[in-house]
Amino acid sequence: MGPASRRRASIVKWGAAALAALGVCSAAFAQSDSRPQTIQALEDQIRSVEAEDPNSSELISPLTALGLLYREGGEPAHAMAALGQAVHVVRFNYGLYSLVQAPLIRQSIESAEALGDHWSAWQLDRGLMHLALRNPDDPRTAEILRDTADRRMEMLAQYKAGEFPPELILGCFYAGPHVNHDLDDSTDRRCTSGSAGAARGAMAMEARYYYARAVDILLKNKMYASDDLPRLFRNIVAISYEYGDPSMGRKSLTYLLAYQTSRSAPWRDQIGTLLEIADWDLLHAVGLDNMDAALAEYARAYELLQQAGVGQESIREVFAPDTPVALPVFVPSPLVAEGQRANSGHIDAAVELDKYGRSRRVQILGTTPDATRAAARHVENVIFQSRFRPRLVDGRVADRERVVVRYELDD
């Protein structure tokens, strides 16, 4: 489930809980002919409670349920009105900075986006972050930070794909990392234009900061078994790799391994993470001594599998697979062209790898008829620029080994 789907599921779950508290059957309002009656029942209940106390906490559930119904019914403006009133009641009863209002604000953000009111959505997003940071030790803040980081990564993906999400200007991301995102004037020259690299870096760094803060909160609350932790660690690793922070990336991989060990994860998962740590050290090594130290980590992983009684064929699949493992493993393989489809053409090449996983010689062995000479030259360049996981045979790193790789062409 992707970030957007998970947020939507969270909203539906929260709203469904409110409906359940009212004794309203979710199956009933799902039918178009029953929806008006359900809305009418909620509005009648709201008016009845308001007649006694316009700020009663008993208003929160029906207002939340009403907002959900309007959202699901494609009426975001009405949803925002109901949710805004619910937020007011929460603040009156629980305080201005209570996290009880957080799910309501998140729903309001999505309603504003559905209306195309991106400015209001951004203001609500910013307000939600201020709310979260006023509750730095609350586990619920970790969820807010995670979801906000997911939204930044979605925005980054859109920008990389050639789109220009409104938040790019509203958040002043062109000004680069560490910018004061509380700027009220998004027409400021620094906000409306600038370096694409700076904008990408700013979005990524903000996302990584929120992911890291979420991890800190979960660990501080001793929520070591949280299912969120592995994904948070991996997100930090991916951002650290792309935007150059070796220390942060390695630390996250180390924490991930500790999490897997504490949870008695399958040996393949634990060894896989151990290998990723060795991959990381090899990719970021400076000098032969550091590269040799990384090779020793691979050898140690090999020994651990032997000690665990894993069969030799299974070990070979990990350390000397027929197709070499391109590094890092958490990014799309350079050996698969973008847009590649089933039954696309391919180019086979023999590659000589040295002990550090570097390509030394490449020989094109054969191609499908639709592969051009230009495509073959491109494959040679891709392979030369790629780094592969060192191959271990009988517990020893192979100094030189010839392997065959297949590059899948796009349509």
Protein backbone atom coordinates (compact mmCIF):
# COMPACT_ATOMS: atom_id res chain seq x y z
CA MET A 1 0.00 0.00 0.00
CA GLY A 2 1.47 3.35 -1.06
CA PRO A 3 1.61 6.50 1.13
CA ALA A 4 -1.51 8.04 -0.44
CA SER A 5 -3.49 4.80 -0.07
CA ARG A 6 -2.34 4.38 3.51
CA ARG A 7 -3.40 7.95 4.37
CA ARG A 8 -6.78 7.37 2.79
CA ALA A 9 -7.20 4.09 4.68
CA SER A 10 -6.26 5.87 7.91
CA ILE A 11 -8.87 8.56 7.28
CA VAL A 12 -11.57 6.03 6.45
CA LYS A 13 -10.68 3.97 9.52
CA TRP A 14 -10.83 7.05 11.76
CA GLY A 15 -14.15 8.15 10.31
CA ALA A 16 -15.58 4.64 10.45
CA ALA A 17 -14.74 4.53 14.15
CA ALA A 18 -16.73 7.73 14.62
CA LEU A 19 -19.67 6.24 12.72
CA ALA A 20 -19.48 3.09 14.82
CA ALA A 21 -19.63 5.19 17.96
CA LEU A 22 -22.87 6.67 16.63
CA GLY A 23 -24.29 3.26 15.82
CA VAL A 24 -24.34 4.05 12.10
CA CYS A 25 -23.74 1.08 9.82
CA SER A 26 -21.02 1.85 7.25
CA ALA A 27 -22.72 -0.46 4.77
CA ALA A 28 -25.88 1.64 4.96
CA PHE A 29 -24.36 4.96 3.99
CA ALA A 30 -22.35 3.29 1.22
CA GLN A 31 -25.62 2.96 -0.70
CA SER A 32 -26.51 6.11 -2.59
CA ASP A 33 -30.19 6.04 -1.58
CA SER A 34 -29.40 5.87 2.14
CA ARG A 35 -26.74 8.55 2.17
CA PRO A 36 -29.13 11.56 2.41
CA GLN A 37 -30.96 9.94 5.33
CA THR A 38 -27.65 9.29 7.08
CA ILE A 39 -26.57 12.89 6.60
CA GLN A 40 -29.93 14.11 7.84
CA ALA A 41 -29.65 11.91 10.94
CA LEU A 42 -26.19 13.28 11.70
CA GLU A 43 -27.29 16.88 11.19
CA ASP A 44 -30.29 16.33 13.47
CA GLN A 45 -28.01 14.89 16.13
CA ILE A 46 -25.60 17.81 15.79
CA ARG A 47 -28.42 20.37 16.15
CA SER A 48 -29.77 18.53 19.18
CA VAL A 49 -26.39 18.57 20.94
CA GLU A 50 -25.72 22.20 19.95
CA ALA A 51 -29.02 23.26 21.51
CA GLU A 52 -27.66 22.09 24.86
CA ASP A 53 -24.02 23.16 24.42
CA PRO A 54 -22.55 24.51 21.13
CA ASN A 55 -19.06 23.40 22.24
CA SER A 56 -19.93 19.98 23.64
CA SER A 57 -17.33 17.27 23.08
CA GLU A 58 -20.23 15.05 21.97
CA LEU A 59 -20.20 16.99 18.70
CA ILE A 60 -16.81 15.66 17.64
CA SER A 61 -17.96 12.21 16.50
CA PRO A 62 -20.99 13.27 14.43
CA LEU A 63 -19.11 16.17 12.85
CA THR A 64 -16.24 13.85 11.93
CA ALA A 65 -18.64 11.29 10.49
CA LEU A 66 -20.42 14.03 8.54
CA GLY A 67 -17.13 15.27 7.13
CA LEU A 68 -16.25 11.75 6.01
CA LEU A 69 -19.63 11.33 4.31
CA TYR A 70 -19.20 14.59 2.43
CA ARG A 71 -15.66 13.64 1.40
CA GLU A 72 -16.78 10.24 0.14
CA GLY A 73 -19.72 11.88 -1.63
CA GLY A 74 -17.51 14.28 -3.59
CA GLU A 75 -18.51 17.39 -1.63
CA PRO A 76 -15.15 18.65 -0.26
CA ALA A 77 -16.43 22.15 0.55
CA HIS A 78 -19.10 20.77 2.87
CA ALA A 79 -16.54 18.36 4.28
CA MET A 80 -14.19 21.22 5.15
CA ALA A 81 -17.00 23.10 6.91
CA ALA A 82 -17.91 20.09 9.07
CA LEU A 83 -14.29 19.27 9.82
CA GLY A 84 -13.48 22.89 10.64
CA GLN A 85 -16.27 22.94 13.19
CA ALA A 86 -15.00 19.64 14.63
CA VAL A 87 -11.51 21.14 15.01
CA HIS A 88 -12.98 24.14 16.85
CA VAL A 89 -14.80 21.85 19.28
CA VAL A 90 -11.66 19.77 19.87
CA ARG A 91 -9.64 22.88 20.64
CA PHE A 92 -12.32 24.18 22.99
CA ASN A 93 -12.43 20.94 24.96
CA TYR A 94 -8.87 19.64 24.74
CA GLY A 95 -6.73 22.70 24.13
CA LEU A 96 -5.30 24.51 21.12
CA TYR A 97 -2.46 22.06 20.64
CA SER A 98 -4.15 18.74 21.31
CA LEU A 99 -3.27 15.99 18.85
CA VAL A 100 -6.89 14.85 18.90
CA GLN A 101 -7.43 17.33 16.06
CA ALA A 102 -4.64 15.92 13.87
CA PRO A 103 -6.78 13.40 11.89
CA LEU A 104 -9.37 16.14 11.30
CA ILE A 105 -6.74 18.49 9.92
CA ARG A 106 -5.38 15.75 7.66
CA GLN A 107 -8.89 15.20 6.28
CA SER A 108 -9.26 18.95 5.78
CA ILE A 109 -6.02 19.04 3.80
CA GLU A 110 -7.28 16.37 1.42
CA SER A 111 -10.63 18.15 1.09
CA ALA A 112 -8.88 21.43 0.24
CA GLU A 113 -6.77 19.65 -2.37
CA ALA A 114 -9.90 18.11 -3.85
CA LEU A 115 -11.29 21.64 -4.18
CA GLY A 116 -8.11 22.79 -5.89
CA ASP A 117 -7.46 25.19 -3.01
CA HIS A 118 -3.77 24.40 -2.67
CA TRP A 119 -2.98 27.53 -0.65
CA SER A 120 -5.41 26.50 2.11
CA ALA A 121 -4.13 22.93 1.95
CA TRP A 122 -0.56 24.16 2.43
CA GLN A 123 -1.54 26.41 5.35
CA LEU A 124 -3.28 23.47 6.99
CA ASP A 125 -0.25 21.27 6.31
CA ARG A 126 2.03 23.83 7.91
CA GLY A 127 -0.30 24.17 10.87
CA LEU A 128 -0.32 20.40 11.31
CA MET A 129 3.48 20.40 11.45
CA HIS A 130 3.51 23.17 14.06
CA LEU A 131 1.03 21.12 16.07
CA ALA A 132 3.20 18.02 15.81
CA LEU A 133 6.37 19.81 16.85
CA ARG A 134 4.61 21.16 19.94
CA ASN A 135 4.12 17.53 20.99
CA PRO A 136 7.64 16.21 20.32
CA ASP A 137 7.41 13.16 22.58
CA ASP A 138 3.94 11.89 21.67
CA PRO A 139 3.86 8.67 19.57
CA ARG A 140 1.06 10.19 17.49
CA THR A 141 3.49 12.85 16.35
CA ALA A 142 5.58 10.12 14.72
CA GLU A 143 2.63 9.24 12.48
CA ILE A 144 2.11 12.90 11.52
CA LEU A 145 5.78 13.31 10.67
CA ARG A 146 5.81 10.10 8.65
CA ASP A 147 2.75 11.09 6.64
CA THR A 148 4.12 14.58 5.99
CA ALA A 149 7.43 13.12 4.84
CA ASP A 150 5.51 10.80 2.51
CA ARG A 151 3.76 13.83 1.04
CA ARG A 152 7.10 15.54 0.42
CA MET A 153 8.38 12.43 -1.35
CA GLU A 154 5.24 12.28 -3.49
CA MET A 155 5.80 15.93 -4.38
CA LEU A 156 9.43 15.16 -5.23
CA ALA A 157 8.39 12.28 -7.48
CA GLN A 158 5.95 14.55 -9.31
CA TYR A 159 8.65 17.17 -9.80
CA LYS A 160 11.13 14.60 -11.11
CA ALA A 161 8.46 13.42 -13.55
CA GLY A 162 8.25 16.92 -15.02
CA GLU A 163 5.23 18.14 -13.06
CA PHE A 164 5.15 21.34 -11.00
CA PRO A 165 3.11 20.72 -7.85
CA PRO A 166 1.77 23.96 -6.28
CA GLU A 167 3.58 23.16 -3.02
CA LEU A 168 6.86 23.74 -4.83
CA ILE A 169 6.16 27.48 -4.76
CA LEU A 170 4.03 27.59 -1.62
CA GLY A 171 6.80 25.89 0.36
CA CYS A 172 9.54 27.99 -1.23
CA PHE A 173 11.55 24.87 -2.05
CA TYR A 174 13.49 26.60 -4.83
CA ALA A 175 15.38 28.46 -2.11
CA GLY A 176 17.02 25.17 -1.14
CA PRO A 177 17.39 23.24 2.11
CA HIS A 178 16.99 24.89 5.51
CA VAL A 179 14.82 27.66 4.08
CA ASN A 180 12.32 29.31 6.39
CA HIS A 181 9.12 27.70 5.14
CA ASP A 182 7.07 30.12 7.24
CA LEU A 183 7.53 32.80 4.58
CA ASP A 184 4.10 34.29 3.95
CA ASP A 185 4.93 35.76 0.56
CA SER A 186 5.24 32.87 -1.89
CA THR A 187 5.78 35.45 -4.64
CA ASP A 188 9.22 36.12 -3.19
CA ARG A 189 11.73 35.68 -6.02
CA ARG A 190 13.51 32.92 -4.11
CA CYS A 191 10.26 30.95 -4.04
CA THR A 192 9.11 31.28 -7.62
CA SER A 193 12.26 30.26 -9.47
CA GLY A 194 15.67 28.78 -8.93
CA SER A 195 17.76 25.66 -9.23
CA ALA A 196 15.93 22.40 -9.85
CA GLY A 197 18.68 20.63 -7.92
CA ALA A 198 18.16 22.89 -4.92
CA ALA A 199 14.40 22.28 -5.02
CA ARG A 200 14.84 18.50 -5.20
CA GLY A 201 17.37 18.59 -2.39
CA ALA A 202 15.12 20.72 -0.21
CA MET A 203 12.16 18.38 -0.59
CA ALA A 204 14.30 15.31 0.05
CA MET A 205 16.08 16.78 3.06
CA GLU A 206 12.82 17.90 4.65
CA ALA A 207 11.36 14.43 4.14
CA ARG A 208 14.43 12.77 5.63
CA TYR A 209 14.34 15.12 8.63
CA TYR A 210 10.72 14.18 9.34
CA TYR A 211 11.42 10.46 8.89
CA ALA A 212 14.35 10.70 11.29
CA ARG A 213 12.31 12.62 13.86
CA ALA A 214 9.60 9.96 13.62
CA VAL A 215 12.19 7.25 14.32
CA ASP A 216 13.51 9.19 17.33
CA ILE A 217 10.01 9.48 18.78
CA LEU A 218 9.23 5.79 18.34
CA LEU A 219 12.52 4.78 19.95
CA LYS A 220 12.12 7.28 22.77
CA ASN A 221 8.75 5.72 23.54
CA LYS A 222 10.34 2.25 23.42
CA MET A 223 8.10 1.24 20.53
CA TYR A 224 10.79 -1.11 19.25
CA ALA A 225 8.26 -3.47 17.70
CA SER A 226 6.57 -0.79 15.61
CA ASP A 227 5.93 -1.95 12.05
CA ASP A 228 6.71 1.60 10.92
CA LEU A 229 10.38 1.38 11.85
CA PRO A 230 11.65 -0.78 8.95
CA ARG A 231 10.04 1.44 6.32
CA LEU A 232 11.27 4.60 8.03
CA PHE A 233 14.82 3.24 8.13
CA ARG A 234 14.72 2.28 4.45
CA ASN A 235 13.33 5.65 3.41
CA ILE A 236 16.17 7.38 5.23
CA VAL A 237 18.68 5.05 3.56
CA ALA A 238 17.34 5.78 0.07
CA ILE A 239 17.34 9.56 0.58
CA SER A 240 20.79 9.49 2.19
CA TYR A 241 22.19 7.59 -0.77
CA GLU A 242 20.72 9.84 -3.44
CA TYR A 243 21.55 13.07 -1.63
CA GLY A 244 24.89 12.13 -0.14
CA ASP A 245 24.91 11.42 3.60
CA PRO A 246 26.91 8.18 4.11
CA SER A 247 26.85 8.38 7.89
CA MET A 248 23.07 8.73 8.18
CA GLY A 249 22.44 5.98 5.63
CA ARG A 250 24.72 3.47 7.30
CA LYS A 251 23.33 4.23 10.74
CA SER A 252 19.81 3.57 9.45
CA LEU A 253 20.84 0.22 7.98
CA THR A 254 22.46 -0.71 11.29
CA TYR A 255 19.28 0.17 13.17
CA LEU A 256 17.27 -1.85 10.66
CA LEU A 257 19.45 -4.90 11.29
CA ALA A 258 19.05 -4.45 15.06
CA TYR A 259 15.28 -4.28 14.58
CA GLN A 260 15.26 -7.47 12.51
CA THR A 261 17.42 -9.28 15.04
CA SER A 262 15.21 -8.24 17.95
CA ARG A 263 12.14 -9.43 16.06
CA SER A 264 13.79 -12.73 15.04
CA ALA A 265 13.28 -11.93 11.38
CA PRO A 266 13.98 -14.71 8.84
CA TRP A 267 17.70 -15.29 8.25
CA ARG A 268 17.37 -14.18 4.63
CA ASP A 269 16.13 -10.77 5.76
CA GLN A 270 18.88 -10.35 8.33
CA ILE A 271 21.64 -11.52 6.00
CA GLY A 272 20.17 -9.35 3.26
CA THR A 273 20.48 -6.26 5.48
CA LEU A 274 23.98 -7.29 6.56
CA LEU A 275 24.92 -7.49 2.88
CA GLU A 276 23.37 -4.06 2.28
CA ILE A 277 25.62 -2.67 5.01
CA ALA A 278 28.62 -4.21 3.25
CA ASP A 279 27.32 -2.80 -0.06
CA TRP A 280 27.04 0.63 1.54
CA ASP A 281 30.57 0.48 2.91
CA LEU A 282 31.95 -0.65 -0.44
CA LEU A 283 30.15 2.07 -2.39
CA HIS A 284 31.32 4.77 0.01
CA ALA A 285 34.82 3.39 0.62
CA VAL A 286 37.76 5.74 0.23
CA GLY A 287 40.95 3.84 -0.56
CA LEU A 288 41.78 0.15 -0.83
CA ASP A 289 41.90 -0.40 2.93
CA ASN A 290 38.26 0.60 3.30
CA MET A 291 37.25 -1.48 0.29
CA ASP A 292 39.04 -4.52 1.74
CA ALA A 293 37.26 -3.93 5.03
CA ALA A 294 33.95 -4.10 3.15
CA LEU A 295 35.02 -7.38 1.53
CA ALA A 296 35.64 -8.77 5.01
CA GLU A 297 32.02 -7.93 5.88
CA TYR A 298 30.81 -9.99 2.91
CA ALA A 299 33.01 -12.88 4.04
CA ARG A 300 31.57 -12.64 7.55
CA ALA A 301 28.02 -12.83 6.17
CA TYR A 302 29.05 -15.95 4.22
CA GLU A 303 30.37 -17.55 7.41
CA LEU A 304 27.15 -16.75 9.28
CA LEU A 305 25.11 -18.57 6.67
CA GLN A 306 27.37 -21.59 6.91
CA GLN A 307 27.12 -21.58 10.70
CA ALA A 308 23.32 -21.40 10.40
CA GLY A 309 23.38 -24.64 8.41
CA VAL A 310 22.15 -23.07 5.19
CA GLY A 311 22.67 -25.31 2.18
CA GLN A 312 25.52 -24.58 -0.21
CA GLU A 313 23.19 -24.06 -3.16
CA SER A 314 21.22 -21.43 -1.23
CA ILE A 315 24.46 -19.72 -0.25
CA ARG A 316 25.56 -19.70 -3.87
CA GLU A 317 22.29 -18.02 -4.88
CA VAL A 318 23.09 -15.24 -2.43
CA PHE A 319 26.79 -14.73 -3.09
CA ALA A 320 27.32 -15.93 -6.66
CA PRO A 321 23.99 -15.74 -8.50
CA ASP A 322 23.89 -16.32 -12.23
CA THR A 323 23.02 -12.65 -12.75
CA PRO A 324 25.29 -10.29 -10.79
CA VAL A 325 23.60 -7.99 -8.27
CA ALA A 326 23.76 -4.34 -9.29
CA LEU A 327 24.37 -1.90 -6.41
CA PRO A 328 22.68 -0.47 -4.52
CA VAL A 329 19.85 -2.99 -4.38
CA PHE A 330 17.22 -0.46 -3.24
CA VAL A 331 17.19 1.50 -6.51
CA PRO A 332 15.93 0.28 -9.90
CA SER A 333 18.50 -1.92 -11.62
CA PRO A 334 20.43 -0.12 -14.36
CA LEU A 335 20.17 -3.34 -16.37
CA VAL A 336 16.44 -2.79 -16.97
CA ALA A 337 15.48 0.05 -19.30
CA GLU A 338 12.71 2.43 -18.25
CA GLY A 339 9.40 1.41 -19.74
CA GLN A 340 10.57 -2.18 -20.29
CA ARG A 341 7.67 -4.53 -21.00
CA ALA A 342 7.24 -8.27 -21.25
CA ASN A 343 8.70 -9.73 -24.45
CA SER A 344 10.81 -6.64 -25.06
CA GLY A 345 14.13 -7.07 -26.82
CA HIS A 346 17.38 -7.61 -24.96
CA ILE A 347 21.15 -7.51 -25.26
CA ASP A 348 23.39 -10.15 -23.66
CA ALA A 349 26.85 -9.12 -22.56
CA ALA A 350 29.77 -10.88 -20.89
CA VAL A 351 31.32 -8.83 -18.11
CA GLU A 352 34.58 -9.35 -16.28
CA LEU A 353 34.26 -8.16 -12.68
CA ASP A 354 37.15 -7.52 -10.31
CA LYS A 355 37.06 -8.36 -6.61
CA TYR A 356 35.45 -5.00 -5.77
CA GLY A 357 32.56 -5.46 -8.19
CA ARG A 358 33.89 -3.10 -10.85
CA SER A 359 33.47 -3.84 -14.56
CA ARG A 360 36.78 -4.37 -16.36
CA ARG A 361 35.75 -5.69 -19.76
CA VAL A 362 32.44 -5.93 -21.54
CA GLN A 363 31.74 -8.05 -24.60
CA ILE A 364 28.41 -8.02 -26.43
CA LEU A 365 27.44 -11.65 -26.98
CA GLY A 366 24.16 -11.35 -28.80
CA THR A 367 21.08 -9.24 -29.31
CA THR A 368 17.52 -9.59 -30.47
CA PRO A 369 16.91 -8.32 -34.04
CA ASP A 370 15.42 -5.01 -32.89
CA ALA A 371 18.53 -4.01 -30.90
CA THR A 372 20.58 -1.33 -32.68
CA ARG A 373 24.32 -0.70 -32.52
CA ALA A 374 23.60 2.48 -30.60
CA ALA A 375 21.67 0.42 -28.05
CA ALA A 376 24.60 -1.99 -27.73
CA ARG A 377 27.01 0.89 -27.11
CA HIS A 378 24.59 2.27 -24.53
CA VAL A 379 24.56 -1.08 -22.74
CA GLU A 380 28.35 -1.15 -22.64
CA ASN A 381 28.39 2.29 -21.05
CA VAL A 382 25.70 1.37 -18.53
CA ILE A 383 27.60 -1.73 -17.43
CA PHE A 384 30.91 0.09 -17.16
CA GLN A 385 29.30 2.76 -14.99
CA SER A 386 27.54 0.22 -12.78
CA ARG A 387 28.85 -1.35 -9.61
CA PHE A 388 28.10 -4.94 -8.70
CA ARG A 389 28.15 -6.92 -5.49
CA PRO A 390 31.44 -8.85 -5.08
CA ARG A 391 31.07 -12.56 -5.72
CA LEU A 392 32.12 -15.12 -3.13
CA VAL A 393 32.89 -18.74 -4.01
CA ASP A 394 33.73 -21.19 -1.21
CA GLY A 395 33.90 -18.28 1.20
CA ARG A 396 36.52 -16.39 -0.81
CA VAL A 397 36.06 -13.27 -2.87
CA ALA A 398 36.68 -13.99 -6.55
CA ASP A 399 39.52 -11.79 -7.81
CA ARG A 400 38.24 -11.95 -11.37
CA GLU A 401 35.09 -13.55 -12.64
CA ARG A 402 33.30 -13.55 -15.96
CA VAL A 403 29.52 -13.27 -15.77
CA VAL A 404 26.77 -12.76 -18.31
CA VAL A 405 24.15 -10.05 -17.90
CA ARG A 406 21.02 -9.43 -19.92
CA TYR A 407 19.92 -5.86 -20.54
CA GLU A 408 16.18 -5.68 -21.18
CA LEU A 409 15.25 -3.07 -23.78
CA ASP A 410 12.17 -0.89 -23.67
CA ASP A 411 9.48 -1.01 -26.32
